[in-house]
Amino acid sequence: MYRNIKKYELRYTDVDAYDNLKLSSLLSFLEESACLSADELGFGYKDVAPRNIGFVLINTYVNLEKNIRLGDDLEIHTWPLKPKFGIFLRDFEIYCGGEKVGVAVTRWCMIDVNTFKILPATAFFTDCDFEDYNTLRVSDFRDWKIAPLEEACEKLYSKAVTFSDYDHYFHVNNTKYADYFLDLFSVDELKNALFSPLQITYCKQCKIGEVLDFYRKDYDGYIIVEGRVENELRVQFRVVKREI
């Protein structure tokens, strides 16, 4: 069955101070593989853009068995699933040196880029387009909803959105939120940390001129982080922080 396979060379700029692959770099590799796969299958950026159609990410789930390190041979396998109710799922397998070290799942919506209205799959696809799609699932994860923080939390820091945060839909690219997230942790907290499993919900796009306020709450066994603009929820993280 179909899968896109891409090898990535880890550059010095892809890792953090501890030589671990940065979360934003991993998400960038996943996004790159997703885009290359879409190009192969005929619904890439160059295919949908002339029709004012685009794909936006709404959820990400990553489960790693270990941190990926500088010098590792990284290989990502990906394939799309048949869409359901306007949601496009994509699965990933993550390999280092031929060893499977993790999986990821992303959920996307197809939109009208002028209005940001969500479109049904039939706006671009026909049923026969999905006949040969891979049905293999990398995870049985289904718990996409992250409950909002109910208890009052102290605002830890704020981030003004700038042009360097943008992608070609003129909103903050999903990979940027990963760096914002890690800025809520101290250097010592990150020293021996593996954030896995990790779940992200992108609630609403952020644009230049807006200021994201970030909140963090540590629970027994997991951490919730929220980014809000004038108290409106824009992004959520639910993670397990493991010591390695």
Protein backbone atom coordinates (compact mmCIF):
# COMPACT_ATOMS: atom_id res chain seq x y z
CA MET A 1 0.00 0.00 0.00
CA TYR A 2 1.03 3.61 -0.58
CA ARG A 3 3.36 5.44 1.77
CA ASN A 4 5.72 8.36 1.32
CA ILE A 5 9.19 7.69 2.72
CA LYS A 6 11.58 10.57 3.33
CA LYS A 7 15.01 10.63 4.98
CA TYR A 8 16.05 13.76 6.86
CA GLU A 9 19.54 14.91 7.79
CA LEU A 10 19.55 16.50 11.22
CA ARG A 11 21.33 19.84 11.10
CA TYR A 12 22.87 21.57 14.09
CA THR A 13 20.05 24.10 13.92
CA ASP A 14 17.45 21.32 14.28
CA VAL A 15 18.48 20.40 17.83
CA ASP A 16 18.37 22.14 21.19
CA ALA A 17 21.12 22.89 23.70
CA TYR A 18 21.08 19.23 24.81
CA ASP A 19 21.42 17.93 21.21
CA ASN A 20 17.84 16.64 21.21
CA LEU A 21 15.70 17.23 18.12
CA LYS A 22 13.57 20.29 18.82
CA LEU A 23 9.83 19.69 18.85
CA SER A 24 9.37 22.46 16.30
CA SER A 25 11.90 20.73 14.01
CA LEU A 26 10.09 17.40 14.33
CA LEU A 27 6.76 19.05 13.50
CA SER A 28 8.43 20.75 10.52
CA PHE A 29 9.63 17.37 9.24
CA LEU A 30 6.15 15.90 9.67
CA GLU A 31 4.62 18.83 7.80
CA GLU A 32 7.20 18.55 5.02
CA SER A 33 6.50 14.83 4.60
CA ALA A 34 2.75 15.50 4.57
CA CYS A 35 3.18 18.12 1.85
CA LEU A 36 5.43 15.88 -0.26
CA SER A 37 2.90 13.06 0.04
CA ALA A 38 0.03 15.36 -0.95
CA ASP A 39 2.06 16.47 -3.98
CA GLU A 40 2.53 12.83 -5.01
CA LEU A 41 -1.17 12.09 -4.68
CA GLY A 42 -2.39 15.13 -6.57
CA PHE A 43 -3.76 17.35 -3.81
CA GLY A 44 -0.64 19.34 -2.91
CA TYR A 45 -0.38 23.09 -2.64
CA LYS A 46 0.12 23.60 -6.40
CA ASP A 47 -2.97 21.46 -7.09
CA VAL A 48 -5.43 23.05 -4.68
CA ALA A 49 -4.22 26.68 -4.56
CA PRO A 50 -5.57 27.62 -8.02
CA ARG A 51 -9.01 26.67 -6.73
CA ASN A 52 -8.60 28.80 -3.57
CA ILE A 53 -8.52 25.64 -1.47
CA GLY A 54 -6.09 24.89 1.33
CA PHE A 55 -5.53 22.49 4.19
CA VAL A 56 -5.15 23.64 7.80
CA LEU A 57 -4.01 21.52 10.70
CA ILE A 58 -6.39 21.18 13.63
CA ASN A 59 -4.78 18.45 15.79
CA THR A 60 -1.43 16.74 16.25
CA TYR A 61 -0.59 13.64 18.29
CA VAL A 62 3.00 12.44 18.72
CA ASN A 63 4.18 9.44 20.73
CA LEU A 64 7.95 8.89 20.89
CA GLU A 65 9.78 6.10 22.70
CA LYS A 66 12.93 8.21 23.04
CA ASN A 67 14.36 11.56 22.08
CA ILE A 68 15.78 11.86 18.58
CA ARG A 69 19.40 13.01 18.80
CA LEU A 70 21.90 14.92 16.70
CA GLY A 71 23.59 12.36 14.44
CA ASP A 72 20.56 10.07 14.22
CA ASP A 73 19.40 8.95 10.78
CA LEU A 74 15.79 10.12 10.72
CA GLU A 75 13.26 8.61 8.32
CA ILE A 76 9.56 9.43 8.23
CA HIS A 77 6.86 7.32 6.59
CA THR A 78 3.41 8.82 6.01
CA TRP A 79 0.12 8.13 4.29
CA PRO A 80 -3.35 9.72 4.34
CA LEU A 81 -6.56 8.01 5.45
CA LYS A 82 -9.92 8.31 3.76
CA PRO A 83 -11.60 11.48 5.12
CA LYS A 84 -14.60 11.25 7.41
CA PHE A 85 -17.09 14.09 7.98
CA GLY A 86 -14.68 16.61 6.46
CA ILE A 87 -11.74 15.55 8.64
CA PHE A 88 -8.60 14.36 6.87
CA LEU A 89 -6.40 12.05 8.93
CA ARG A 90 -2.74 11.37 8.22
CA ASP A 91 -0.55 8.78 9.95
CA PHE A 92 3.23 8.77 10.40
CA GLU A 93 5.86 6.27 11.46
CA ILE A 94 9.15 7.69 12.73
CA TYR A 95 12.39 5.71 12.36
CA CYS A 96 15.96 6.25 13.56
CA GLY A 97 18.67 4.02 12.14
CA GLY A 98 16.02 1.63 10.86
CA GLU A 99 14.39 1.35 14.31
CA LYS A 100 10.83 2.54 14.75
CA VAL A 101 10.97 5.09 17.58
CA GLY A 102 7.58 6.73 17.36
CA VAL A 103 4.32 7.48 15.62
CA ALA A 104 2.25 10.56 14.90
CA VAL A 105 -1.27 11.34 13.75
CA THR A 106 -2.49 14.65 12.34
CA ARG A 107 -6.00 15.88 11.59
CA TRP A 108 -6.68 18.44 8.88
CA CYS A 109 -9.60 20.41 7.44
CA MET A 110 -9.96 21.57 3.86
CA ILE A 111 -10.87 25.27 3.66
CA ASP A 112 -11.75 28.08 1.31
CA VAL A 113 -8.65 30.24 1.78
CA ASN A 114 -10.60 33.45 1.13
CA THR A 115 -13.26 32.89 3.79
CA PHE A 116 -11.65 30.15 5.92
CA LYS A 117 -14.91 28.26 5.63
CA ILE A 118 -14.51 24.50 6.07
CA LEU A 119 -15.20 22.60 2.87
CA PRO A 120 -16.44 19.02 2.40
CA ALA A 121 -14.12 16.52 0.75
CA THR A 122 -16.34 16.60 -2.33
CA ALA A 123 -15.22 20.18 -3.02
CA PHE A 124 -12.06 18.69 -4.54
CA PHE A 125 -12.18 14.88 -4.35
CA THR A 126 -14.38 12.11 -5.70
CA ASP A 127 -15.02 8.79 -3.93
CA CYS A 128 -12.77 6.92 -6.35
CA ASP A 129 -9.82 9.11 -5.30
CA PHE A 130 -9.62 7.14 -2.05
CA GLU A 131 -10.01 3.58 -3.34
CA ASP A 132 -6.32 2.67 -2.98
CA TYR A 133 -5.60 4.51 0.27
CA ASN A 134 -3.66 2.73 2.98
CA THR A 135 -5.97 1.63 5.81
CA LEU A 136 -3.16 0.80 8.26
CA ARG A 137 -3.38 2.82 11.49
CA VAL A 138 -0.31 3.62 13.58
CA SER A 139 -2.26 4.25 16.79
CA ASP A 140 -5.66 3.67 18.31
CA PHE A 141 -5.58 7.16 19.85
CA ARG A 142 -8.99 8.84 19.58
CA ASP A 143 -9.21 11.23 22.54
CA TRP A 144 -8.76 14.48 20.59
CA LYS A 145 -10.66 16.84 22.87
CA ILE A 146 -8.59 18.65 25.52
CA ALA A 147 -10.63 20.02 28.38
CA PRO A 148 -9.92 23.72 29.01
CA LEU A 149 -8.26 24.76 32.24
CA GLU A 150 -10.92 25.25 34.89
CA GLU A 151 -8.73 26.54 37.68
CA ALA A 152 -7.28 30.03 37.66
CA CYS A 153 -3.64 29.91 36.57
CA GLU A 154 -1.00 32.59 36.58
CA LYS A 155 -0.03 33.91 33.17
CA LEU A 156 3.55 32.80 32.61
CA TYR A 157 4.48 34.88 29.58
CA SER A 158 3.13 36.55 26.44
CA LYS A 159 4.17 36.38 22.79
CA ALA A 160 3.31 38.98 20.18
CA VAL A 161 2.66 37.49 16.74
CA THR A 162 5.09 38.76 14.08
CA PHE A 163 5.62 38.16 10.37
CA SER A 164 8.30 35.52 11.01
CA ASP A 165 5.61 33.34 12.64
CA TYR A 166 3.49 33.25 9.47
CA ASP A 167 2.94 30.55 6.86
CA HIS A 168 1.44 31.04 3.40
CA TYR A 169 -2.07 31.31 4.85
CA PHE A 170 -1.00 34.40 6.81
CA HIS A 171 -1.44 32.89 10.24
CA VAL A 172 0.93 31.37 12.77
CA ASN A 173 2.37 28.12 11.43
CA ASN A 174 1.71 25.08 13.62
CA THR A 175 5.42 24.46 14.18
CA LYS A 176 5.89 27.84 15.85
CA TYR A 177 3.57 26.92 18.72
CA ALA A 178 6.00 24.17 19.74
CA ASP A 179 8.70 26.74 20.52
CA TYR A 180 6.20 28.87 22.42
CA PHE A 181 5.25 25.78 24.43
CA LEU A 182 8.81 24.90 25.44
CA ASP A 183 9.43 28.46 26.60
CA LEU A 184 7.17 27.69 29.56
CA PHE A 185 9.80 25.32 30.98
CA SER A 186 13.13 26.12 32.60
CA VAL A 187 16.46 24.99 31.18
CA ASP A 188 16.81 22.50 34.05
CA GLU A 189 13.31 21.09 33.45
CA LEU A 190 14.21 20.41 29.83
CA LYS A 191 17.57 18.77 30.52
CA ASN A 192 16.38 15.15 30.78
CA ALA A 193 12.85 15.60 29.45
CA LEU A 194 10.91 13.62 26.88
CA PHE A 195 7.48 15.08 26.14
CA SER A 196 5.56 12.00 25.07
CA PRO A 197 2.80 11.38 24.35
CA LEU A 198 2.06 14.93 23.22
CA GLN A 199 -1.19 16.31 21.90
CA ILE A 200 -1.88 19.72 20.35
CA THR A 201 -5.18 21.32 19.41
CA TYR A 202 -5.12 24.38 17.18
CA CYS A 203 -8.37 26.11 18.11
CA LYS A 204 -8.20 29.28 16.03
CA GLN A 205 -5.58 30.96 13.87
CA CYS A 206 -3.45 33.79 15.26
CA LYS A 207 -2.43 36.85 13.24
CA ILE A 208 -0.04 39.79 13.41
CA GLY A 209 -0.97 42.30 16.09
CA GLU A 210 -2.40 39.69 18.44
CA VAL A 211 -0.71 38.78 21.70
CA LEU A 212 -0.79 35.20 22.96
CA ASP A 213 -0.88 34.76 26.74
CA PHE A 214 0.33 31.38 27.98
CA TYR A 215 -0.81 29.39 31.00
CA ARG A 216 0.45 26.09 32.40
CA LYS A 217 -1.07 23.67 34.90
CA ASP A 218 0.72 20.55 36.16
CA TYR A 219 -1.54 17.65 37.06
CA ASP A 220 -0.76 14.18 38.36
CA GLY A 221 0.89 12.55 35.37
CA TYR A 222 0.38 15.20 32.70
CA ILE A 223 0.60 18.92 31.93
CA ILE A 224 -1.89 21.24 30.24
CA VAL A 225 -0.73 24.41 28.47
CA GLU A 226 -3.05 26.98 26.92
CA GLY A 227 -2.42 29.95 24.66
CA ARG A 228 -5.09 32.64 24.73
CA VAL A 229 -5.69 35.98 23.00
CA GLU A 230 -7.71 38.32 25.19
CA ASN A 231 -8.84 35.18 27.04
CA GLU A 232 -10.02 33.48 23.84
CA LEU A 233 -8.58 29.98 23.52
CA ARG A 234 -6.28 29.61 20.49
CA VAL A 235 -4.01 26.60 21.18
CA GLN A 236 -3.86 23.76 23.72
CA PHE A 237 -1.20 21.22 24.67
CA ARG A 238 -1.67 18.07 26.71
CA VAL A 239 1.62 16.30 27.41
CA VAL A 240 3.25 13.73 29.59
CA LYS A 241 6.70 14.90 30.69
CA ARG A 242 8.97 11.91 31.22
CA GLU A 243 12.43 11.89 32.79
CA ILE A 244 15.01 9.97 30.76
